[in-house]
Protein backbone atom coordinates (compact mmCIF):
# COMPACT_ATOMS: atom_id res chain seq x y z
CA MET A 1 15.92 -72.42 5.66
CA ALA A 2 18.94 -71.28 7.65
CA PRO A 3 21.77 -69.47 5.86
CA SER A 4 24.63 -71.77 4.89
CA ASN A 5 27.02 -70.18 7.40
CA LEU A 6 24.82 -71.15 10.39
CA THR A 7 24.68 -74.38 12.31
CA ILE A 8 21.40 -75.07 14.08
CA GLU A 9 21.36 -77.67 16.80
CA ARG A 10 19.25 -78.92 19.66
CA VAL A 11 21.22 -78.65 22.87
CA GLN A 12 20.62 -81.21 25.58
CA THR A 13 19.37 -79.69 28.82
CA PRO A 14 20.59 -79.18 31.37
CA THR A 15 23.36 -77.54 29.43
CA SER A 16 26.57 -75.80 30.46
CA GLU A 17 26.92 -72.46 32.22
CA LYS A 18 28.87 -71.27 29.16
CA VAL A 19 25.93 -71.84 26.81
CA ALA A 20 23.55 -70.18 29.28
CA ASP A 21 25.86 -67.15 29.53
CA GLU A 22 26.15 -66.89 25.73
CA ALA A 23 22.35 -67.00 25.42
CA ARG A 24 21.99 -64.36 28.15
CA ASP A 25 24.31 -62.04 26.20
CA VAL A 26 22.35 -62.55 22.96
CA PHE A 27 19.09 -61.89 24.84
CA ALA A 28 20.41 -58.68 26.40
CA ASN A 29 21.75 -57.38 23.08
CA LEU A 30 18.54 -58.08 21.18
CA MET A 31 15.95 -57.05 23.76
CA VAL A 32 14.36 -53.75 22.81
CA LYS A 33 15.23 -51.29 25.56
CA GLY A 34 11.95 -49.37 25.32
CA TYR A 35 9.76 -52.46 25.20
CA PRO A 36 7.09 -52.15 27.92
CA ALA A 37 7.56 -55.74 29.14
CA ALA A 38 11.31 -55.16 29.51
CA ILE A 39 10.65 -52.02 31.52
CA ALA A 40 8.10 -53.77 33.73
CA LEU A 41 10.13 -56.93 34.29
CA THR A 42 13.23 -54.94 35.29
CA GLY A 43 11.33 -52.65 37.63
CA GLY A 44 12.12 -49.77 35.31
CA ASP A 45 15.90 -50.36 35.46
CA ILE A 46 16.79 -51.48 31.93
CA SER A 47 20.40 -52.10 32.99
CA LEU A 48 19.04 -55.26 34.66
CA LEU A 49 18.12 -56.85 31.30
CA PRO A 50 21.18 -59.16 31.31
CA ASP A 51 20.31 -60.26 34.84
CA LEU A 52 16.67 -60.88 33.90
CA GLY A 53 17.71 -62.82 30.80
CA GLY A 54 20.19 -64.83 32.82
CA VAL A 55 17.59 -65.82 35.40
CA MET A 56 15.03 -66.90 32.80
CA ILE A 57 17.53 -68.69 30.57
CA ARG A 58 19.26 -70.49 33.43
CA ALA A 59 15.94 -71.62 34.90
CA LEU A 60 15.01 -73.36 31.66
CA ALA A 61 18.43 -74.40 30.37
CA LEU A 62 20.04 -75.61 33.59
CA THR A 63 17.09 -77.31 35.32
CA PRO A 64 16.54 -80.90 34.16
CA GLY A 65 13.21 -81.68 32.49
CA VAL A 66 12.00 -78.08 32.24
CA GLY A 67 13.01 -76.68 28.85
CA ASP A 68 14.26 -77.28 25.33
CA LEU A 69 17.08 -75.24 23.79
CA PHE A 70 18.04 -74.81 20.14
CA THR A 71 21.05 -72.71 19.14
CA ALA A 72 22.27 -71.02 15.96
CA ARG A 73 26.03 -70.57 15.61
CA ASP A 74 28.01 -68.88 12.87
CA GLU A 75 31.00 -70.35 11.05
CA ASN A 76 33.28 -69.27 13.93
CA GLY A 77 31.15 -71.01 16.55
CA ALA A 78 29.73 -67.79 17.98
CA LEU A 79 26.16 -67.98 19.25
CA VAL A 80 24.06 -65.67 17.06
CA GLY A 81 20.59 -66.82 18.08
CA PHE A 82 18.65 -69.31 20.12
CA THR A 83 15.18 -70.43 21.04
CA LEU A 84 14.39 -71.71 24.48
CA PHE A 85 11.01 -72.76 25.74
CA SER A 86 9.43 -74.57 28.63
CA LEU A 87 8.15 -78.08 28.13
CA PRO A 88 4.43 -78.86 28.44
CA GLY A 89 3.24 -78.51 32.01
CA GLN A 90 6.27 -76.47 33.09
CA LEU A 91 6.15 -72.83 34.16
CA LEU A 92 9.12 -70.52 34.13
CA LEU A 93 10.54 -69.89 37.62
CA SER A 94 7.69 -71.74 39.31
CA THR A 95 9.87 -74.11 41.35
CA GLU A 96 12.63 -73.62 43.90
CA GLU A 97 14.96 -75.63 41.66
CA GLN A 98 14.47 -73.12 38.84
CA GLN A 99 14.63 -70.11 41.14
CA LYS A 100 18.02 -71.16 42.56
CA HIS A 101 19.60 -70.08 39.26
CA GLY A 102 19.72 -66.42 40.31
CA MET A 103 16.15 -65.35 41.06
CA LEU A 104 16.89 -64.12 44.60
CA GLU A 105 19.98 -62.24 43.43
CA PHE A 106 17.95 -60.61 40.65
CA MET A 107 15.18 -59.65 43.07
CA GLY A 108 17.78 -58.07 45.35
CA LYS A 109 18.85 -55.76 42.52
CA LEU A 110 15.33 -54.47 41.90
CA SER A 111 14.16 -51.22 43.45
CA PRO A 112 11.64 -51.52 46.30
CA GLU A 113 8.90 -50.67 43.79
CA GLY A 114 10.15 -53.40 41.43
CA GLN A 115 10.19 -55.93 44.25
CA LYS A 116 6.65 -54.98 45.18
CA TYR A 117 5.55 -55.40 41.53
CA TYR A 118 7.01 -58.92 41.45
CA ALA A 119 5.45 -59.85 44.78
CA GLU A 120 2.00 -58.50 43.94
CA THR A 121 1.74 -59.07 40.20
CA VAL A 122 4.26 -61.44 38.66
CA SER A 123 4.40 -64.09 41.36
CA THR A 124 0.66 -64.09 42.01
CA ARG A 125 -1.43 -63.00 39.05
CA ILE A 126 0.76 -64.11 36.16
CA PHE A 127 1.82 -67.48 37.60
CA ARG A 128 -1.74 -68.18 38.82
CA ARG A 129 -3.19 -67.50 35.35
CA SER A 130 -0.50 -69.59 33.66
CA ARG A 131 -1.06 -72.50 36.05
CA ALA A 132 -4.85 -72.32 35.52
CA LEU A 133 -4.36 -72.39 31.75
CA ILE A 134 -2.06 -75.42 31.93
CA GLU A 135 -4.41 -77.29 34.24
CA HIS A 136 -7.32 -76.54 31.89
CA LEU A 137 -5.48 -78.09 28.94
């Protein structure tokens, strides 16, 4: 059960840029800086965590029919937590519509090695495995 000073609500998606920005800030503040996935997904540049969070959150929260968002706000209305997930059959950043929410800008900030990692690993192996899993279900 949530503490009495929190309000939990389901937010209709697509939502506002303001909510997406608030969620990005919570993500960046809570993400463990030494976490191997954070290091890999930022090409080793941890300062890109807010950008990474923004891309992922915007793709799901601002693209119609892709994700569900639930927020937790304190008594002052400040966002203190959220959960955001893709709907069945949807893959994060797998469509041009999702990618238009900052993916190219994020990729441009990565080092050449980070860009190569995305091109060779994330966009091929990870998305291919995720798509195969979804199609199998």
